C-alpha atoms as a PDB file:
ATOM      1  CA  MET A   1     -13.098  98.343 -17.674  1.00  0.00           C
ATOM      2  CA  ALA A   2     -16.430  97.743 -15.992  1.00  0.00           C
ATOM      3  CA  ASP A   3     -16.694  98.131 -12.263  1.00  0.00           C
ATOM      4  CA  THR A   4     -17.153  94.810 -10.516  1.00  0.00           C
ATOM      5  CA  VAL A   5     -18.169  94.059  -6.996  1.00  0.00           C
ATOM      6  CA  ARG A   6     -16.277  91.236  -5.376  1.00  0.00           C
ATOM      7  CA  LEU A   7     -18.039  89.474  -2.572  1.00  0.00           C
ATOM      8  CA  MET A   8     -15.950  87.824   0.090  1.00  0.00           C
ATOM      9  CA  ALA A   9     -16.674  84.164   0.406  1.00  0.00           C
ATOM     10  CA  LYS A  10     -17.584  82.948   3.861  1.00  0.00           C
ATOM     11  CA  PRO A  11     -14.795  81.213   5.717  1.00  0.00           C
ATOM     12  CA  VAL A  12     -15.145  77.444   5.610  1.00  0.00           C
ATOM     13  CA  SER A  13     -15.394  77.357   9.394  1.00  0.00           C
ATOM     14  CA  ALA A  14     -18.509  79.571   9.243  1.00  0.00           C
ATOM     15  CA  ILE A  15     -20.082  77.298   6.650  1.00  0.00           C
ATOM     16  CA  GLN A  16     -19.248  74.254   8.760  1.00  0.00           C
ATOM     17  CA  GLN A  17     -20.923  75.827  11.766  1.00  0.00           C
ATOM     18  CA  GLU A  18     -24.041  76.578   9.721  1.00  0.00           C
ATOM     19  CA  ILE A  19     -24.112  72.963   8.548  1.00  0.00           C
ATOM     20  CA  ARG A  20     -23.966  71.748  12.166  1.00  0.00           C
ATOM     21  CA  GLU A  21     -27.108  73.749  12.863  1.00  0.00           C
ATOM     22  CA  LEU A  22     -29.115  72.065  10.081  1.00  0.00           C
ATOM     23  CA  THR A  23     -31.524  69.207  10.665  1.00  0.00           C
ATOM     24  CA  ASN A  24     -30.371  65.775   9.521  1.00  0.00           C
ATOM     25  CA  ALA A  25     -32.724  65.993   6.526  1.00  0.00           C
ATOM     26  CA  GLU A  26     -31.245  69.354   5.530  1.00  0.00           C
ATOM     27  CA  LYS A  27     -27.702  67.998   5.944  1.00  0.00           C
ATOM     28  CA  GLU A  28     -28.602  65.038   3.745  1.00  0.00           C
ATOM     29  CA  GLU A  29     -29.970  67.340   1.042  1.00  0.00           C
ATOM     30  CA  ALA A  30     -26.882  69.580   1.183  1.00  0.00           C
ATOM     31  CA  LEU A  31     -24.558  66.590   1.031  1.00  0.00           C
ATOM     32  CA  ALA A  32     -26.400  65.076  -1.926  1.00  0.00           C
ATOM     33  CA  THR A  33     -26.123  68.392  -3.775  1.00  0.00           C
ATOM     34  CA  LEU A  34     -22.394  68.685  -3.079  1.00  0.00           C
ATOM     35  CA  ILE A  35     -21.701  65.107  -4.144  1.00  0.00           C
ATOM     36  CA  GLU A  36     -23.720  65.627  -7.323  1.00  0.00           C
ATOM     37  CA  GLU A  37     -21.751  68.780  -8.141  1.00  0.00           C
ATOM     38  CA  LEU A  38     -18.395  67.141  -7.432  1.00  0.00           C
ATOM     39  CA  ASP A  39     -19.265  63.951  -9.287  1.00  0.00           C
ATOM     40  CA  GLY A  40     -20.438  65.738 -12.404  1.00  0.00           C
ATOM     41  CA  PRO A  41     -23.327  64.808 -14.630  1.00  0.00           C
ATOM     42  CA  PRO A  42     -24.477  61.184 -14.588  1.00  0.00           C
ATOM     43  CA  ASP A  43     -23.385  58.904 -17.397  1.00  0.00           C
ATOM     44  CA  ALA A  44     -26.145  58.770 -19.970  1.00  0.00           C
ATOM     45  CA  GLY A  45     -26.272  54.979 -20.114  1.00  0.00           C
ATOM     46  CA  ALA A  46     -25.314  54.174 -16.533  1.00  0.00           C
ATOM     47  CA  GLU A  47     -28.807  53.503 -15.207  1.00  0.00           C
ATOM     48  CA  ALA A  48     -29.725  51.295 -18.169  1.00  0.00           C
ATOM     49  CA  ALA A  49     -26.457  49.390 -17.783  1.00  0.00           C
ATOM     50  CA  TRP A  50     -27.101  48.820 -14.067  1.00  0.00           C
ATOM     51  CA  LEU A  51     -30.652  47.626 -14.736  1.00  0.00           C
ATOM     52  CA  GLU A  52     -29.298  45.175 -17.310  1.00  0.00           C
ATOM     53  CA  GLU A  53     -26.660  43.950 -14.839  1.00  0.00           C
ATOM     54  CA  ILE A  54     -29.253  43.538 -12.095  1.00  0.00           C
ATOM     55  CA  GLY A  55     -31.432  41.517 -14.452  1.00  0.00           C
ATOM     56  CA  ARG A  56     -28.483  39.324 -15.476  1.00  0.00           C
ATOM     57  CA  ARG A  57     -27.459  38.641 -11.877  1.00  0.00           C
ATOM     58  CA  SER A  58     -31.034  37.993 -10.798  1.00  0.00           C
ATOM     59  CA  HIS A  59     -31.436  35.455 -13.611  1.00  0.00           C
ATOM     60  CA  GLU A  60     -28.169  33.723 -12.597  1.00  0.00           C
ATOM     61  CA  ILE A  61     -29.406  33.396  -9.010  1.00  0.00           C
ATOM     62  CA  ASP A  62     -32.914  32.267  -9.979  1.00  0.00           C
ATOM     63  CA  SER A  63     -31.576  29.679 -12.436  1.00  0.00           C
ATOM     64  CA  GLY A  64     -29.073  28.283  -9.916  1.00  0.00           C
ATOM     65  CA  ALA A  65     -26.115  29.173 -12.140  1.00  0.00           C
ATOM     66  CA  VAL A  66     -24.458  30.873  -9.182  1.00  0.00           C
ATOM     67  CA  ALA A  67     -24.597  30.249  -5.466  1.00  0.00           C
ATOM     68  CA  CYS A  68     -25.138  33.104  -3.038  1.00  0.00           C
ATOM     69  CA  ILE A  69     -22.832  33.496  -0.068  1.00  0.00           C
ATOM     70  CA  PRO A  70     -24.473  34.678   3.159  1.00  0.00           C
ATOM     71  CA  ALA A  71     -23.319  38.145   4.242  1.00  0.00           C
ATOM     72  CA  LYS A  72     -22.153  36.761   7.602  1.00  0.00           C
ATOM     73  CA  GLU A  73     -19.738  34.458   5.787  1.00  0.00           C
ATOM     74  CA  VAL A  74     -18.512  37.219   3.463  1.00  0.00           C
ATOM     75  CA  PHE A  75     -17.776  39.524   6.402  1.00  0.00           C
ATOM     76  CA  ALA A  76     -16.026  36.697   8.274  1.00  0.00           C
ATOM     77  CA  ARG A  77     -13.768  36.159   5.239  1.00  0.00           C
ATOM     78  CA  ILE A  78     -13.003  39.868   5.049  1.00  0.00           C
ATOM     79  CA  ASP A  79     -12.183  39.990   8.777  1.00  0.00           C
ATOM     80  CA  LYS A  80      -9.836  37.023   8.321  1.00  0.00           C
ATOM     81  CA  ILE A  81      -8.083  38.673   5.372  1.00  0.00           C
ATOM     82  CA  LEU A  82      -7.700  41.928   7.288  1.00  0.00           C
ATOM     83  CA  GLY A  83      -6.423  40.038  10.319  1.00  0.00           C
ATOM     84  CA  GLU A  84      -9.181  41.022  12.685  1.00  0.00           C
END
């Protein structure tokens, strides 16, 4: 059996402290990397599907087929539903 060297992983608390010492830009980069790793590889057709959906919705708005609801009204409805 081959000799192996096992490295001890840093305690999570030490990693957390190191993260606190990063700049906001560095934290953002680290977070994006972690999310990407946890989320897995992107769906091959996801971006194309979103672009198609954006185009469809944009056409519906431009043609008057749908009416937009102002964000203020949407949030007021949500607050009412949530009882706030």
